[in-house]
Structures are given as C-alpha cells and as structure tokens.
Amino acid sequence: MDSREVGDLLDECLGAAEAAGRQSTGVSEAGPTTQERLNYCSCRDSLCAELASLLQEAMDMKWPFAPEKWQYKQSVSAADKTNLNDLISKHLSQLLDLLKACIRAEEAHCALAVVFLVDRYLYWTDDSSRLLKITKLLHRRYPETPIAPQLVIRQARVYFNSGKLQKAEYILSSLINNSGTTGHWIYHSESDRVLVQAVSVQVRGTILQKLGLWLEAAELIWASLVGYYSLPQPDKKGIGTSLCILASILVSMNNEDFHAFRTNPDIDFVSPPHNLQSLVVFSKKKFAALFILSIFSDVTWGWKSSSS
C-alpha cells in the first residue's frame, strides 16, 4: 500500500470513530446493524492464522508491547529473522478494514487490539497522529476498554517528537510512579510491569538527553538497562536501544559529569552480562559505535528501530 491509500483508510476509520463518539453513551440505542455485524465477522474471519492468533493475544493482554520473534531468544533461527512490521505491512489494508468494521460494529475491544498491532508500523510511516486520535475517541466512548501500555507510551513519544516535552514527561512519570499501571490493562506477570517501567524510563532518558542534561539522562538509561537485564529473558531490543543511547550520551558529557557517572556508588558496572565499564571508557574516547558493534552484536541482532 502507498501512503495515500493508508491515509484514506485511516481517514475512514477516524470518520467512523468520530461518528461513534457522537453517541452520549457506551452503546447506541439502535446498536450496530446486521450488515455491520456480518462485515465485522467476515473481516475478522478472513485474517490469516498468524494474524488471527496475534489479534487474540492482543485482546487477551498477553503482552504490553507487540513482541518480535527474536526479541527474547538467546539463539535465533532462520524462521525468527523477520520483524512483526513485515507481517503488518503485508496485511495492513486488511487490518485497517477490520479496524473500521470493529468501530462500526461497536467491537471496541477488538478495535483497540487492531490499533495495538498496527501501531508500530504506522509510527515508522509517520501516521501515528491519526491512529492516536482514533484511540482517544474510542477510549472516550468506551472508557473501560483496556489500552495497551505500548499505545500510552506511543503518545508520549509523539508528544516528545513534536516538542511537547511536558506532556510526554507527565505520561512517562505516571507510568513509572504507578508501576506501569494504566487504565484497565491487566498484567499477567510482574516482569511485564518491569518492562513497561524500563521502556518509560528509557524514553524519559531521551527527553533529558534532548535537554542536554547528560548526567541525569545517563542515569535513567542505565536504570532502563537494569530493568531489561532483570527480565526472565533479557529484552534484546530494549538493551540494544539503551546501549546506543547511553553511548551517545557519554560521548556528549563533559568531564565532570562523566566522572560523576562513572563513580556513582549506586551503579554497578560489572554485574550485567557484558563489561559495561569498558563501554563507558570507550564511549568517552569516541569509539562507542565501533565498540558496540564488536561486542554487542548478539544483543542488537535484528534490531531495526528504537521504537517500542
């Protein structure tokens, strides 16, 4: 699909959400028509087995972020060497048709699960704005329907990218201070909460980096690394992202901040699986990129983007 076709489908979904939002209660008096219900069922039944499984898992709140096959594996096979965005890109038209059908059939839970699945791909293609508008309209109409933490953090990222740092900070601080709690989302494990907090801390660290607060930013990115490494299966994608951000921050630090970070008694440089003390030293010597590529290739394999 080209960008114009994607835009047209998103506009149709947004129009359907705006029409639904004009209702004053959670369910309209008449309810969806028989044809709207049949269209929803037809769209959902037409999904391939892999997408149907992912959609059900999203509805069941199996994960706070849509996972990649390689993300939590120590050993990656040829079958794992694809990204979720490849699957979403191939079936984007079908998924957006399903989103529109969900909205018209008043299937808010399924609609927000579809939004969850297409979110990362549309962020890459710079179409997050309309998707988040749809999310807000659905949330306003169906406030008890769970919204994935990935979507909440996506809003913070979009605010950050558009220069609305205070709004981004508010969202991230809320997630961090409330142990990842957001609306009616149900976590299936404590490690999922840790993951959401780690991502929130990571994004907040990038905000401080943008503001030139190098020491504070480095401490937050370090905290995100601790979170990613503490998971039952360390998050390769998150670790790779934080390592790259940390290297960039360390290169930009003045000597005073660098010394304060390196001698911080609350930071343990030797416990993680890799010698991060060496990363700190090499980063300050401007060899960070080469160093990361040489010793962290196993961590960052398959990583294409820092987005969650």
Protein backbone atom coordinates (compact mmCIF):
# COMPACT_ATOMS: atom_id res chain seq x y z
CA MET A 1 0.00 0.00 0.00
CA ASP A 2 1.21 3.50 -0.73
CA SER A 3 0.95 6.33 1.79
CA ARG A 4 -2.11 7.82 0.12
CA GLU A 5 -4.07 4.57 0.36
CA VAL A 6 -3.06 4.19 4.01
CA GLY A 7 -4.14 7.77 4.67
CA ASP A 8 -7.51 7.22 3.02
CA LEU A 9 -8.20 4.10 5.09
CA LEU A 10 -7.15 5.85 8.30
CA ASP A 11 -9.45 8.76 7.46
CA GLU A 12 -12.33 6.30 7.03
CA CYS A 13 -11.51 4.72 10.40
CA LEU A 14 -11.27 8.16 12.00
CA GLY A 15 -14.60 9.15 10.49
CA ALA A 16 -16.21 6.00 11.89
CA ALA A 17 -14.71 6.71 15.33
CA GLU A 18 -15.92 10.33 15.25
CA ALA A 19 -19.42 9.15 14.35
CA ALA A 20 -19.32 6.66 17.22
CA GLY A 21 -18.02 9.37 19.54
CA ARG A 22 -21.09 11.48 18.96
CA GLN A 23 -23.09 8.93 20.92
CA SER A 24 -23.58 10.05 24.50
CA THR A 25 -23.43 6.54 25.98
CA GLY A 26 -21.24 3.47 25.55
CA VAL A 27 -23.72 1.76 23.22
CA SER A 28 -26.08 3.47 20.80
CA GLU A 29 -29.81 2.93 21.19
CA ALA A 30 -30.15 1.07 17.92
CA GLY A 31 -26.82 -0.74 18.09
CA PRO A 32 -24.94 -1.93 15.02
CA THR A 33 -26.93 -3.16 12.05
CA THR A 34 -26.95 -6.80 10.99
CA GLN A 35 -24.81 -5.89 7.98
CA GLU A 36 -22.25 -4.15 10.19
CA ARG A 37 -22.05 -7.21 12.43
CA LEU A 38 -21.68 -9.53 9.44
CA ASN A 39 -18.99 -7.31 7.93
CA TYR A 40 -17.06 -7.37 11.20
CA CYS A 41 -17.25 -11.16 11.41
CA SER A 42 -16.23 -11.51 7.77
CA CYS A 43 -13.21 -9.21 8.17
CA ARG A 44 -12.04 -11.00 11.28
CA ASP A 45 -12.55 -14.48 9.82
CA SER A 46 -10.50 -13.54 6.74
CA LEU A 47 -7.31 -12.99 8.74
CA CYS A 48 -4.50 -15.48 8.23
CA ALA A 49 -3.80 -17.84 11.12
CA GLU A 50 -0.76 -15.89 12.34
CA LEU A 51 -2.59 -12.57 12.41
CA ALA A 52 -5.68 -14.11 13.99
CA SER A 53 -3.50 -15.55 16.75
CA LEU A 54 -1.73 -12.22 17.33
CA LEU A 55 -5.06 -10.38 17.45
CA GLN A 56 -6.45 -12.77 20.05
CA GLU A 57 -3.30 -12.47 22.15
CA ALA A 58 -3.56 -8.67 21.95
CA MET A 59 -7.18 -8.86 23.10
CA ASP A 60 -6.14 -11.18 25.93
CA MET A 61 -3.46 -8.66 27.01
CA LYS A 62 -0.76 -11.32 26.68
CA TRP A 63 2.00 -8.71 26.30
CA PRO A 64 2.28 -4.94 26.95
CA PHE A 65 4.33 -4.46 23.75
CA ALA A 66 3.86 -6.33 20.48
CA PRO A 67 6.85 -8.73 20.55
CA GLU A 68 9.32 -9.64 17.83
CA LYS A 69 10.17 -13.33 17.32
CA TRP A 70 13.88 -12.73 18.01
CA GLN A 71 13.47 -10.31 20.89
CA TYR A 72 13.75 -12.69 23.84
CA LYS A 73 15.70 -15.58 22.29
CA GLN A 74 19.30 -16.40 23.03
CA SER A 75 19.60 -18.48 19.86
CA VAL A 76 17.87 -17.18 16.75
CA SER A 77 16.85 -19.48 13.90
CA ALA A 78 16.18 -18.59 10.27
CA ALA A 79 12.44 -18.65 10.97
CA ASP A 80 12.90 -15.86 13.52
CA LYS A 81 14.68 -13.50 11.15
CA THR A 82 11.59 -11.45 10.35
CA ASN A 83 10.04 -8.50 12.10
CA LEU A 84 6.41 -8.05 13.04
CA ASN A 85 6.26 -4.99 10.80
CA ASP A 86 6.88 -7.21 7.77
CA LEU A 87 3.69 -9.13 8.56
CA ILE A 88 1.72 -5.97 9.35
CA SER A 89 2.89 -4.24 6.17
CA LYS A 90 1.77 -7.19 4.07
CA HIS A 91 -1.73 -7.19 5.60
CA LEU A 92 -2.16 -3.51 6.50
CA SER A 93 -5.15 -2.91 4.22
CA GLN A 94 -6.92 -5.94 5.68
CA LEU A 95 -6.21 -4.82 9.25
CA LEU A 96 -7.44 -1.27 8.67
CA ASP A 97 -10.60 -2.64 7.05
CA LEU A 98 -11.07 -4.74 10.18
CA LEU A 99 -10.49 -1.69 12.38
CA LYS A 100 -13.22 0.22 10.55
CA ALA A 101 -15.57 -2.76 10.78
CA CYS A 102 -14.85 -3.12 14.52
CA ILE A 103 -15.69 0.53 15.16
CA ARG A 104 -18.95 0.35 13.22
CA ALA A 105 -19.93 -2.92 14.91
CA GLU A 106 -19.12 -1.41 18.34
CA GLU A 107 -16.43 -4.02 18.98
CA ALA A 108 -14.17 -1.64 20.89
CA HIS A 109 -12.00 -4.34 22.46
CA CYS A 110 -11.13 -5.81 19.08
CA ALA A 111 -10.69 -2.34 17.56
CA LEU A 112 -8.11 -1.32 20.16
CA ALA A 113 -6.33 -4.66 19.71
CA VAL A 114 -6.02 -3.92 15.98
CA VAL A 115 -4.70 -0.44 16.81
CA PHE A 116 -2.16 -2.12 19.08
CA LEU A 117 -0.94 -4.41 16.28
CA VAL A 118 -0.58 -1.72 13.59
CA ASP A 119 0.77 0.98 15.93
CA ARG A 120 4.49 0.38 15.50
CA TYR A 121 4.34 0.13 11.71
CA LEU A 122 2.29 3.32 11.40
CA TYR A 123 4.72 5.09 13.72
CA TRP A 124 7.52 4.22 11.31
CA THR A 125 5.49 5.57 8.39
CA ASP A 126 4.66 8.78 10.30
CA ASP A 127 0.93 8.00 10.55
CA SER A 128 0.68 7.81 14.34
CA SER A 129 -1.23 11.06 14.71
CA ARG A 130 -4.47 9.80 13.16
CA LEU A 131 -4.17 6.40 14.81
CA LEU A 132 -3.82 8.02 18.24
CA LYS A 133 -6.83 10.24 17.52
CA ILE A 134 -8.82 7.07 16.83
CA THR A 135 -7.52 5.59 20.09
CA LYS A 136 -8.57 8.66 22.08
CA LEU A 137 -12.05 8.69 20.54
CA LEU A 138 -12.55 5.00 21.30
CA HIS A 139 -11.29 5.49 24.85
CA ARG A 140 -13.70 8.39 25.36
CA ARG A 141 -16.60 6.29 24.09
CA TYR A 142 -15.58 3.04 25.81
CA PRO A 143 -13.56 4.13 28.89
CA GLU A 144 -13.47 0.64 30.43
CA THR A 145 -11.83 -0.97 27.39
CA PRO A 146 -8.12 -1.67 28.05
CA ILE A 147 -5.48 0.28 26.12
CA ALA A 148 -2.06 -1.33 25.72
CA PRO A 149 0.88 0.35 27.51
CA GLN A 150 2.61 0.47 24.10
CA LEU A 151 -0.07 2.91 22.90
CA VAL A 152 0.22 5.05 26.03
CA ILE A 153 3.99 5.29 25.58
CA ARG A 154 3.49 5.93 21.86
CA GLN A 155 1.52 9.05 22.76
CA ALA A 156 4.44 10.16 24.93
CA ARG A 157 6.85 9.56 22.03
CA VAL A 158 4.67 11.58 19.66
CA TYR A 159 4.47 14.43 22.17
CA PHE A 160 8.26 14.26 22.55
CA ASN A 161 8.84 14.32 18.78
CA SER A 162 6.55 17.34 18.41
CA GLY A 163 8.30 19.27 21.18
CA LYS A 164 5.58 18.85 23.82
CA LEU A 165 8.05 17.64 26.42
CA GLN A 166 5.93 18.47 29.47
CA LYS A 167 3.04 16.33 28.22
CA ALA A 168 5.43 13.48 27.42
CA GLU A 169 7.00 13.76 30.87
CA TYR A 170 3.58 13.61 32.53
CA ILE A 171 2.65 10.35 30.80
CA LEU A 172 6.00 8.70 31.46
CA SER A 173 6.21 9.81 35.09
CA SER A 174 2.73 8.42 35.70
CA LEU A 175 3.72 5.02 34.30
CA ILE A 176 6.98 4.98 36.26
CA ASN A 177 5.46 6.08 39.57
CA ASN A 178 2.46 3.74 39.28
CA SER A 179 4.45 0.61 38.38
CA GLY A 180 3.17 0.64 34.82
CA THR A 181 -0.50 0.80 35.81
CA THR A 182 -2.62 2.29 33.05
CA GLY A 183 -6.41 2.23 32.94
CA HIS A 184 -7.97 -1.23 32.79
CA TRP A 185 -4.93 -3.03 31.38
CA ILE A 186 -4.23 -6.29 33.25
CA TYR A 187 -0.65 -7.53 33.61
CA HIS A 188 -0.11 -11.28 33.56
CA SER A 189 3.29 -11.13 35.25
CA GLU A 190 5.39 -8.77 37.32
CA SER A 191 8.07 -8.86 34.63
CA ASP A 192 5.64 -7.18 32.21
CA ARG A 193 5.32 -4.29 34.65
CA VAL A 194 9.11 -4.08 34.88
CA LEU A 195 9.33 -3.98 31.08
CA VAL A 196 6.84 -1.10 30.84
CA GLN A 197 8.74 0.82 33.51
CA ALA A 198 12.06 0.15 31.75
CA VAL A 199 10.73 1.50 28.45
CA SER A 200 9.19 4.51 30.21
CA VAL A 201 12.49 5.27 31.93
CA GLN A 202 14.34 4.85 28.63
CA VAL A 203 12.09 7.33 26.80
CA ARG A 204 12.30 9.77 29.72
CA GLY A 205 16.08 9.47 29.49
CA THR A 206 15.97 10.51 25.83
CA ILE A 207 13.96 13.59 26.83
CA LEU A 208 16.65 14.62 29.31
CA GLN A 209 19.26 13.88 26.65
CA LYS A 210 17.48 16.29 24.29
CA LEU A 211 17.53 18.92 27.05
CA GLY A 212 21.29 18.46 27.47
CA LEU A 213 21.01 17.01 30.98
CA TRP A 214 23.65 14.39 30.24
CA LEU A 215 24.25 13.02 33.73
CA GLU A 216 20.57 12.66 34.60
CA ALA A 217 19.88 11.14 31.18
CA ALA A 218 22.71 8.61 31.55
CA GLU A 219 21.43 7.55 34.97
CA LEU A 220 17.94 6.93 33.57
CA ILE A 221 19.22 4.99 30.57
CA TRP A 222 21.34 2.92 32.95
CA ALA A 223 18.22 2.24 35.04
CA SER A 224 16.43 1.05 31.89
CA LEU A 225 19.31 -1.37 31.19
CA VAL A 226 18.99 -2.77 34.70
CA GLY A 227 15.28 -3.29 34.04
CA TYR A 228 15.81 -5.02 30.70
CA TYR A 229 18.52 -7.30 32.10
CA SER A 230 16.36 -8.21 35.11
CA LEU A 231 13.63 -9.78 32.97
CA PRO A 232 13.39 -13.59 32.97
CA GLN A 233 14.53 -13.38 29.34
CA PRO A 234 16.54 -10.17 28.80
CA ASP A 235 14.98 -7.92 26.15
CA LYS A 236 17.49 -7.73 23.27
CA LYS A 237 15.62 -4.92 21.54
CA GLY A 238 15.45 -2.77 24.65
CA ILE A 239 19.05 -3.48 25.63
CA GLY A 240 20.34 -2.65 22.16
CA THR A 241 18.41 0.63 22.10
CA SER A 242 19.57 1.72 25.56
CA LEU A 243 23.20 0.86 24.83
CA CYS A 244 23.20 3.03 21.72
CA ILE A 245 21.54 5.92 23.58
CA LEU A 246 23.95 5.57 26.50
CA ALA A 247 26.98 5.63 24.22
CA SER A 248 25.71 8.80 22.55
CA ILE A 249 25.12 10.47 25.92
CA LEU A 250 28.55 9.54 27.28
CA VAL A 251 30.30 10.98 24.24
CA SER A 252 28.48 14.29 24.82
CA MET A 253 29.27 14.53 28.55
CA ASN A 254 31.76 16.96 29.98
CA ASN A 255 34.50 15.51 32.18
CA GLU A 256 32.79 16.47 35.43
CA ASP A 257 29.52 14.71 34.59
CA PHE A 258 31.41 11.75 33.16
CA HIS A 259 33.39 11.33 36.38
CA ALA A 260 30.22 11.65 38.48
CA PHE A 261 28.51 8.95 36.42
CA ARG A 262 31.47 6.59 36.39
CA THR A 263 31.98 6.86 40.16
CA ASN A 264 28.30 6.72 41.14
CA PRO A 265 28.16 4.19 44.02
CA ASP A 266 24.62 3.18 43.05
CA ILE A 267 25.71 1.97 39.61
CA ASP A 268 27.23 -1.49 39.29
CA PHE A 269 29.26 -1.66 36.08
CA VAL A 270 30.30 -5.30 36.30
CA SER A 271 27.19 -7.31 37.18
CA PRO A 272 25.43 -7.30 33.76
CA PRO A 273 26.47 -9.98 31.25
CA HIS A 274 28.73 -7.57 29.36
CA ASN A 275 31.54 -5.38 30.66
CA LEU A 276 29.76 -2.04 30.60
CA GLN A 277 32.65 -0.38 32.38
CA SER A 278 34.52 -0.79 29.10
CA LEU A 279 31.62 0.78 27.23
CA VAL A 280 31.85 3.84 29.45
CA VAL A 281 35.59 4.21 28.87
CA PHE A 282 35.45 3.57 25.13
CA SER A 283 32.49 5.92 24.67
CA LYS A 284 34.41 8.79 26.18
CA LYS A 285 37.24 8.02 23.78
CA LYS A 286 34.82 8.38 20.84
CA PHE A 287 34.98 4.69 19.90
CA ALA A 288 31.46 3.89 21.13
CA ALA A 289 29.89 2.86 17.83
CA LEU A 290 32.71 0.51 16.85
CA PHE A 291 32.83 -0.94 20.35
CA ILE A 292 29.10 -1.63 20.45
CA LEU A 293 29.17 -3.30 17.04
CA SER A 294 32.04 -5.54 18.08
CA ILE A 295 30.84 -6.83 21.46
CA PHE A 296 27.08 -6.31 21.46
CA SER A 297 26.21 -7.79 18.07
CA ASP A 298 24.47 -10.70 19.77
CA VAL A 299 22.30 -8.31 21.77
CA THR A 300 21.35 -5.97 18.96
CA TRP A 301 20.83 -8.54 16.17
CA GLY A 302 17.65 -7.87 14.26
CA TRP A 303 17.07 -4.53 15.89
CA LYS A 304 15.80 -2.04 13.33
CA SER A 305 14.37 0.77 15.40
CA SER A 306 14.37 2.23 18.86
CA SER A 307 10.57 2.47 18.86
CA SER A 308 8.55 0.21 21.25
